[in-house]
C-alpha atoms as a PDB file:
ATOM      1  CA  TYR A   1       7.300 -85.502 -57.689  1.00  0.00           C
ATOM      2  CA  HIS A   2       3.945 -86.266 -59.216  1.00  0.00           C
ATOM      3  CA  ARG A   3       2.257 -84.911 -56.097  1.00  0.00           C
ATOM      4  CA  GLY A   4       3.210 -81.263 -56.118  1.00  0.00           C
ATOM      5  CA  ILE A   5       1.198 -78.125 -55.441  1.00  0.00           C
ATOM      6  CA  PHE A   6      -1.049 -78.893 -58.406  1.00  0.00           C
ATOM      7  CA  HIS A   7      -1.932 -82.272 -56.924  1.00  0.00           C
ATOM      8  CA  SER A   8      -3.846 -80.815 -53.989  1.00  0.00           C
ATOM      9  CA  ILE A   9      -7.185 -79.253 -53.115  1.00  0.00           C
ATOM     10  CA  LEU A  10      -5.645 -75.836 -53.720  1.00  0.00           C
ATOM     11  CA  GLY A  11      -4.710 -76.997 -57.208  1.00  0.00           C
ATOM     12  CA  GLY A  12      -8.306 -78.112 -57.766  1.00  0.00           C
ATOM     13  CA  VAL A  13      -9.602 -74.695 -56.759  1.00  0.00           C
ATOM     14  CA  PHE A  14      -7.062 -73.026 -59.054  1.00  0.00           C
ATOM     15  CA  PHE A  15      -8.089 -75.106 -62.072  1.00  0.00           C
ATOM     16  CA  ALA A  16     -11.794 -74.644 -61.301  1.00  0.00           C
ATOM     17  CA  PHE A  17     -11.385 -70.862 -61.375  1.00  0.00           C
ATOM     18  CA  LEU A  18      -9.203 -71.092 -64.473  1.00  0.00           C
ATOM     19  CA  THR A  19     -11.872 -73.179 -66.213  1.00  0.00           C
ATOM     20  CA  ALA A  20     -14.590 -70.685 -65.268  1.00  0.00           C
ATOM     21  CA  ILE A  21     -12.481 -67.786 -66.570  1.00  0.00           C
ATOM     22  CA  VAL A  22     -11.749 -69.557 -69.852  1.00  0.00           C
ATOM     23  CA  TYR A  23     -15.408 -70.433 -70.363  1.00  0.00           C
ATOM     24  CA  ARG A  24     -16.579 -66.899 -69.570  1.00  0.00           C
ATOM     25  CA  TYR A  25     -14.021 -64.719 -71.316  1.00  0.00           C
ATOM     26  CA  LEU A  26     -12.384 -66.833 -74.005  1.00  0.00           C
ATOM     27  CA  LEU A  27     -15.368 -68.923 -75.032  1.00  0.00           C
ATOM     28  CA  GLY A  28     -17.982 -66.239 -74.315  1.00  0.00           C
ATOM     29  CA  ARG A  29     -20.319 -68.503 -72.350  1.00  0.00           C
ATOM     30  CA  HIS A  30     -22.909 -67.289 -69.841  1.00  0.00           C
ATOM     31  CA  GLU A  31     -21.679 -66.845 -66.248  1.00  0.00           C
ATOM     32  CA  GLY A  32     -23.826 -69.720 -65.025  1.00  0.00           C
ATOM     33  CA  VAL A  33     -22.370 -72.076 -67.608  1.00  0.00           C
ATOM     34  CA  ALA A  34     -18.842 -70.921 -66.754  1.00  0.00           C
ATOM     35  CA  TRP A  35     -19.332 -71.561 -63.025  1.00  0.00           C
ATOM     36  CA  LEU A  36     -20.964 -74.902 -63.769  1.00  0.00           C
ATOM     37  CA  ALA A  37     -17.960 -75.922 -65.883  1.00  0.00           C
ATOM     38  CA  GLY A  38     -15.632 -74.803 -63.077  1.00  0.00           C
ATOM     39  CA  GLY A  39     -17.656 -76.839 -60.582  1.00  0.00           C
ATOM     40  CA  PHE A  40     -17.466 -79.932 -62.752  1.00  0.00           C
ATOM     41  CA  MET A  41     -13.728 -79.431 -63.120  1.00  0.00           C
ATOM     42  CA  PHE A  42     -13.360 -79.211 -59.336  1.00  0.00           C
ATOM     43  CA  MET A  43     -15.454 -82.324 -58.731  1.00  0.00           C
ATOM     44  CA  GLY A  44     -13.488 -84.306 -61.318  1.00  0.00           C
ATOM     45  CA  TYR A  45     -10.248 -83.103 -59.758  1.00  0.00           C
ATOM     46  CA  MET A  46     -11.406 -84.245 -56.311  1.00  0.00           C
ATOM     47  CA  VAL A  47     -12.428 -87.651 -57.675  1.00  0.00           C
ATOM     48  CA  HIS A  48      -8.935 -87.955 -59.152  1.00  0.00           C
ATOM     49  CA  LEU A  49      -7.318 -87.148 -55.790  1.00  0.00           C
ATOM     50  CA  VAL A  50      -9.570 -89.583 -53.893  1.00  0.00           C
ATOM     51  CA  LEU A  51      -8.878 -92.389 -56.375  1.00  0.00           C
ATOM     52  CA  ASP A  52      -5.140 -91.720 -56.101  1.00  0.00           C
ATOM     53  CA  GLU A  53      -5.357 -92.072 -52.316  1.00  0.00           C
ATOM     54  CA  ILE A  54      -7.456 -95.239 -52.552  1.00  0.00           C
ATOM     55  CA  TYR A  55      -4.962 -96.755 -54.992  1.00  0.00           C
ATOM     56  CA  SER A  56      -2.046 -95.916 -52.715  1.00  0.00           C
ATOM     57  CA  VAL A  57      -3.251 -98.322 -49.986  1.00  0.00           C
ATOM     58  CA  ASP A  58      -2.743-102.037 -50.601  1.00  0.00           C
ATOM     59  CA  VAL A  59      -5.817-103.441 -48.859  1.00  0.00           C
ATOM     60  CA  LEU A  60      -4.950-107.113 -49.247  1.00  0.00           C
ATOM     61  CA  GLY A  61      -1.362-106.766 -48.089  1.00  0.00           C
ATOM     62  CA  THR A  62      -2.265-104.158 -45.432  1.00  0.00           C
ATOM     63  CA  ARG A  63       0.623-101.946 -46.364  1.00  0.00           C
ATOM     64  CA  ILE A  64       0.735 -98.372 -47.546  1.00  0.00           C
ATOM     65  CA  LYS A  65       2.455 -97.683 -50.836  1.00  0.00           C
ATOM     66  CA  ARG A  66       5.072 -94.969 -51.155  1.00  0.00           C
ATOM     67  CA  SER A  67       2.679 -92.817 -53.177  1.00  0.00           C
ATOM     68  CA  PHE A  68       0.321 -92.334 -50.201  1.00  0.00           C
ATOM     69  CA  GLY A  69      -0.284 -88.735 -49.110  1.00  0.00           C
END
């Protein structure tokens, strides 16, 4: 499935922390920059999930596609 554990809010939190860790320890950025990058990653991830849910509903045909949820 495309929608596994990494296609959830928990996955977004995981990748946000991973991004912050990479920015801080591998790239040597300041803590504030690392947390900011993690926050942007999380927000982008959430936008992706919301757009996936919006796309999964056929508004004109009033049916729900199989990819919903």
